[in-house]
């Protein structure tokens, strides 16, 4: 399964950008996002920024991914489904 992950932009030039991936800078393609600036957030997939997003959208998506990750780490936990469902409700509202 492929997953696109929100990342913060730290530098932009031409059709390239540098984003933070696990605290480390990574150069990515951002050709379809002409108004990109440092401090913006993008959805990153296969070293390409495919969509610009707000900081709030990025935060919500990262919280959802963390809840899903926790569910897979401990599938016996009773509260995990509720946490994922709550995260989905917040993200979709």
N, C-alpha and C. Protein backbone atom coordinates (compact mmCIF):
# COMPACT_ATOMS: atom_id res chain seq x y z
N UNK A 1 0.84 -1.17 0.00
CA UNK A 1 0.00 0.00 0.00
C UNK A 1 0.89 1.24 0.00
N UNK A 2 0.53 2.22 -0.80
CA UNK A 2 1.26 3.48 -0.87
C UNK A 2 0.53 4.52 -0.02
N UNK A 3 1.30 5.30 0.70
CA UNK A 3 0.74 6.33 1.56
C UNK A 3 1.43 7.65 1.28
N UNK A 4 0.66 8.71 1.15
CA UNK A 4 1.22 10.05 1.03
C UNK A 4 1.21 10.68 2.42
N UNK A 5 2.31 11.31 2.79
CA UNK A 5 2.49 11.83 4.14
C UNK A 5 2.71 13.34 4.09
N UNK A 6 2.05 14.10 4.98
CA UNK A 6 2.30 15.54 5.03
C UNK A 6 3.72 15.84 5.50
N UNK A 7 4.34 16.83 4.86
CA UNK A 7 5.69 17.25 5.22
C UNK A 7 5.78 18.77 5.12
N UNK A 8 6.64 19.34 5.97
CA UNK A 8 6.84 20.79 5.96
C UNK A 8 7.93 21.17 4.97
N UNK A 9 7.66 22.22 4.20
CA UNK A 9 8.61 22.74 3.21
C UNK A 9 9.58 23.68 3.92
N UNK A 10 10.88 23.50 3.67
CA UNK A 10 11.86 24.39 4.29
C UNK A 10 12.61 25.25 3.26
N UNK A 11 12.54 24.86 1.97
CA UNK A 11 13.20 25.65 0.93
C UNK A 11 12.56 25.32 -0.40
N UNK A 12 12.47 26.32 -1.29
CA UNK A 12 11.88 26.13 -2.62
C UNK A 12 12.76 26.80 -3.66
N UNK A 13 12.98 26.13 -4.79
CA UNK A 13 13.68 26.72 -5.93
C UNK A 13 13.24 25.98 -7.19
N UNK A 14 13.07 26.72 -8.26
CA UNK A 14 12.64 26.16 -9.54
C UNK A 14 11.46 25.21 -9.32
N UNK A 15 11.58 23.98 -9.79
CA UNK A 15 10.51 22.99 -9.60
C UNK A 15 10.88 21.98 -8.51
N UNK A 16 11.72 22.41 -7.56
CA UNK A 16 12.20 21.55 -6.48
C UNK A 16 11.88 22.20 -5.14
N UNK A 17 11.82 21.37 -4.12
CA UNK A 17 11.65 21.86 -2.75
C UNK A 17 12.43 20.95 -1.82
N UNK A 18 12.74 21.48 -0.67
CA UNK A 18 13.36 20.68 0.38
C UNK A 18 12.33 20.59 1.50
N UNK A 19 12.04 19.37 1.93
CA UNK A 19 11.06 19.14 2.98
C UNK A 19 11.72 18.36 4.11
N UNK A 20 11.11 18.41 5.28
CA UNK A 20 11.62 17.64 6.41
C UNK A 20 10.97 16.26 6.44
N UNK A 21 11.80 15.24 6.43
CA UNK A 21 11.35 13.85 6.55
C UNK A 21 12.07 13.26 7.75
N UNK A 22 11.31 12.99 8.80
CA UNK A 22 11.88 12.49 10.05
C UNK A 22 13.02 13.38 10.55
N UNK A 23 12.80 14.70 10.43
CA UNK A 23 13.77 15.67 10.92
C UNK A 23 14.95 15.93 10.00
N UNK A 24 15.02 15.24 8.87
CA UNK A 24 16.12 15.40 7.93
C UNK A 24 15.62 16.05 6.64
N UNK A 25 16.38 16.96 6.05
CA UNK A 25 15.96 17.57 4.78
C UNK A 25 16.03 16.57 3.63
N UNK A 26 15.04 16.67 2.74
CA UNK A 26 15.02 15.81 1.55
C UNK A 26 14.55 16.64 0.37
N UNK A 27 15.28 16.54 -0.74
CA UNK A 27 14.90 17.25 -1.96
C UNK A 27 13.81 16.47 -2.68
N UNK A 28 12.75 17.18 -3.09
CA UNK A 28 11.62 16.56 -3.77
C UNK A 28 11.20 17.41 -4.97
N UNK A 29 10.44 16.82 -5.86
CA UNK A 29 9.87 17.54 -7.00
C UNK A 29 8.58 18.21 -6.55
N UNK A 30 8.39 19.47 -6.98
CA UNK A 30 7.15 20.18 -6.63
C UNK A 30 6.64 20.96 -7.84
N UNK A 31 6.81 20.41 -9.03
CA UNK A 31 6.53 21.11 -10.28
C UNK A 31 5.08 21.61 -10.38
N UNK A 32 4.13 20.92 -9.86
CA UNK A 32 2.73 21.31 -9.99
C UNK A 32 2.23 22.25 -8.92
N UNK A 33 3.12 22.76 -8.08
CA UNK A 33 2.72 23.62 -6.96
C UNK A 33 3.47 24.95 -7.05
N UNK A 34 3.03 25.86 -7.93
CA UNK A 34 3.79 27.08 -8.21
C UNK A 34 3.85 28.09 -7.06
N UNK A 35 2.90 28.08 -6.13
CA UNK A 35 2.87 29.08 -5.06
C UNK A 35 3.48 28.59 -3.75
N UNK A 36 4.25 27.53 -3.82
CA UNK A 36 4.83 26.92 -2.63
C UNK A 36 5.89 27.83 -2.01
N UNK A 37 5.87 27.94 -0.67
CA UNK A 37 6.83 28.75 0.06
C UNK A 37 7.30 28.00 1.29
N UNK A 38 8.49 28.34 1.81
CA UNK A 38 8.94 27.73 3.07
C UNK A 38 7.90 27.95 4.16
N UNK A 39 7.69 26.91 4.96
CA UNK A 39 6.68 26.95 6.01
C UNK A 39 5.37 26.33 5.60
N UNK A 40 5.14 26.17 4.28
CA UNK A 40 3.94 25.49 3.80
C UNK A 40 4.06 24.00 4.07
N UNK A 41 2.95 23.31 3.94
CA UNK A 41 2.93 21.86 4.06
C UNK A 41 2.47 21.26 2.75
N UNK A 42 3.05 20.10 2.42
CA UNK A 42 2.68 19.39 1.20
C UNK A 42 2.41 17.93 1.54
N UNK A 43 1.66 17.31 0.67
CA UNK A 43 1.45 15.87 0.74
C UNK A 43 2.53 15.24 -0.13
N UNK A 44 3.38 14.42 0.47
CA UNK A 44 4.55 13.86 -0.21
C UNK A 44 4.32 12.39 -0.54
N UNK A 45 4.55 12.04 -1.80
CA UNK A 45 4.44 10.65 -2.25
C UNK A 45 5.55 10.39 -3.25
N UNK A 46 6.35 9.38 -2.99
CA UNK A 46 7.42 8.95 -3.90
C UNK A 46 8.33 10.11 -4.30
N UNK A 47 8.76 10.90 -3.30
CA UNK A 47 9.65 12.04 -3.50
C UNK A 47 9.07 13.12 -4.41
N UNK A 48 7.74 13.21 -4.44
CA UNK A 48 7.07 14.28 -5.18
C UNK A 48 6.00 14.91 -4.29
N UNK A 49 6.02 16.24 -4.23
CA UNK A 49 4.97 16.97 -3.52
C UNK A 49 3.76 17.00 -4.45
N UNK A 50 2.68 16.34 -4.04
CA UNK A 50 1.53 16.19 -4.94
C UNK A 50 0.37 17.11 -4.60
N UNK A 51 0.40 17.73 -3.43
CA UNK A 51 -0.69 18.62 -3.04
C UNK A 51 -0.22 19.54 -1.92
N UNK A 52 -0.62 20.80 -2.01
CA UNK A 52 -0.34 21.75 -0.93
C UNK A 52 -1.48 21.66 0.08
N UNK A 53 -1.16 21.79 1.37
CA UNK A 53 -2.17 21.70 2.41
C UNK A 53 -1.88 22.69 3.52
N UNK A 54 -2.89 22.97 4.33
CA UNK A 54 -2.69 23.87 5.47
C UNK A 54 -2.00 23.11 6.59
N UNK A 55 -1.46 23.86 7.54
CA UNK A 55 -0.83 23.25 8.71
C UNK A 55 -1.86 22.43 9.49
N UNK A 56 -3.10 22.92 9.56
CA UNK A 56 -4.16 22.20 10.28
C UNK A 56 -4.47 20.87 9.58
N UNK A 57 -4.58 20.88 8.27
CA UNK A 57 -4.83 19.64 7.52
C UNK A 57 -3.69 18.65 7.74
N UNK A 58 -2.46 19.15 7.72
CA UNK A 58 -1.30 18.28 7.93
C UNK A 58 -1.34 17.67 9.33
N UNK A 59 -1.64 18.51 10.34
CA UNK A 59 -1.71 18.02 11.73
C UNK A 59 -2.77 16.94 11.87
N UNK A 60 -3.96 17.16 11.30
CA UNK A 60 -5.04 16.18 11.40
C UNK A 60 -4.66 14.87 10.73
N UNK A 61 -4.04 14.96 9.56
CA UNK A 61 -3.66 13.75 8.85
C UNK A 61 -2.58 12.98 9.61
N UNK A 62 -1.60 13.70 10.18
CA UNK A 62 -0.55 13.04 10.94
C UNK A 62 -1.11 12.38 12.21
N UNK A 63 -2.09 13.01 12.85
CA UNK A 63 -2.74 12.41 14.01
C UNK A 63 -3.47 11.13 13.62
N UNK A 64 -4.15 11.15 12.49
CA UNK A 64 -4.86 9.97 12.01
C UNK A 64 -3.87 8.83 11.71
N UNK A 65 -2.78 9.16 11.03
CA UNK A 65 -1.76 8.15 10.71
C UNK A 65 -1.17 7.57 11.99
N UNK A 66 -0.92 8.41 12.99
CA UNK A 66 -0.39 7.94 14.27
C UNK A 66 -1.37 7.00 14.96
N UNK A 67 -2.67 7.33 14.89
CA UNK A 67 -3.69 6.46 15.50
C UNK A 67 -3.74 5.11 14.78
N UNK A 68 -3.64 5.12 13.47
CA UNK A 68 -3.63 3.87 12.71
C UNK A 68 -2.39 3.05 13.04
N UNK A 69 -1.26 3.72 13.14
CA UNK A 69 0.00 3.05 13.48
C UNK A 69 -0.10 2.39 14.85
N UNK A 70 -0.69 3.10 15.81
CA UNK A 70 -0.85 2.55 17.15
C UNK A 70 -1.76 1.32 17.11
N UNK A 71 -2.80 1.37 16.28
CA UNK A 71 -3.71 0.23 16.18
C UNK A 71 -2.98 -1.01 15.67
N UNK A 72 -2.11 -0.83 14.70
CA UNK A 72 -1.38 -1.98 14.17
C UNK A 72 -0.31 -2.48 15.14
N UNK A 73 0.21 -1.58 15.98
CA UNK A 73 1.20 -1.98 16.98
C UNK A 73 0.56 -2.78 18.11
N UNK A 74 -0.71 -2.49 18.44
CA UNK A 74 -1.38 -3.15 19.56
C UNK A 74 -2.84 -3.43 19.20
N UNK A 75 -3.08 -4.43 18.34
CA UNK A 75 -4.44 -4.70 17.87
C UNK A 75 -5.39 -5.19 18.97
N UNK A 76 -4.87 -5.56 20.13
CA UNK A 76 -5.73 -6.03 21.22
C UNK A 76 -6.26 -4.91 22.10
N UNK A 77 -5.77 -3.72 21.90
CA UNK A 77 -6.22 -2.60 22.72
C UNK A 77 -7.67 -2.26 22.41
N UNK A 78 -8.48 -2.10 23.44
CA UNK A 78 -9.91 -1.84 23.26
C UNK A 78 -10.19 -0.43 22.77
N UNK A 79 -9.34 0.52 23.10
CA UNK A 79 -9.60 1.92 22.78
C UNK A 79 -9.10 2.34 21.40
N UNK A 80 -8.37 1.49 20.72
CA UNK A 80 -7.75 1.91 19.48
C UNK A 80 -8.76 2.21 18.39
N UNK A 81 -9.77 1.37 18.23
CA UNK A 81 -10.76 1.63 17.20
C UNK A 81 -11.46 2.95 17.48
N UNK A 82 -11.78 3.22 18.73
CA UNK A 82 -12.42 4.48 19.10
C UNK A 82 -11.50 5.66 18.79
N UNK A 83 -10.20 5.53 19.04
CA UNK A 83 -9.26 6.60 18.75
C UNK A 83 -9.17 6.88 17.25
N UNK A 84 -9.13 5.83 16.45
CA UNK A 84 -9.07 6.01 14.99
C UNK A 84 -10.37 6.62 14.51
N UNK A 85 -11.49 6.11 15.01
CA UNK A 85 -12.78 6.65 14.59
C UNK A 85 -12.91 8.12 14.99
N UNK A 86 -12.47 8.47 16.17
CA UNK A 86 -12.51 9.87 16.63
C UNK A 86 -11.63 10.74 15.75
N UNK A 87 -10.46 10.24 15.39
CA UNK A 87 -9.57 10.98 14.51
C UNK A 87 -10.20 11.20 13.15
N UNK A 88 -10.88 10.18 12.63
CA UNK A 88 -11.55 10.30 11.34
C UNK A 88 -12.67 11.34 11.41
N UNK A 89 -13.43 11.33 12.48
CA UNK A 89 -14.53 12.29 12.63
C UNK A 89 -13.99 13.71 12.68
N UNK A 90 -12.89 13.92 13.36
CA UNK A 90 -12.28 15.26 13.45
C UNK A 90 -11.76 15.69 12.10
N UNK A 91 -11.12 14.78 11.38
CA UNK A 91 -10.54 15.10 10.08
C UNK A 91 -11.63 15.40 9.05
N UNK A 92 -12.73 14.70 9.12
CA UNK A 92 -13.77 14.87 8.12
C UNK A 92 -14.71 16.05 8.42
N UNK A 93 -14.64 16.62 9.61
CA UNK A 93 -15.55 17.72 9.91
C UNK A 93 -14.98 19.06 9.55
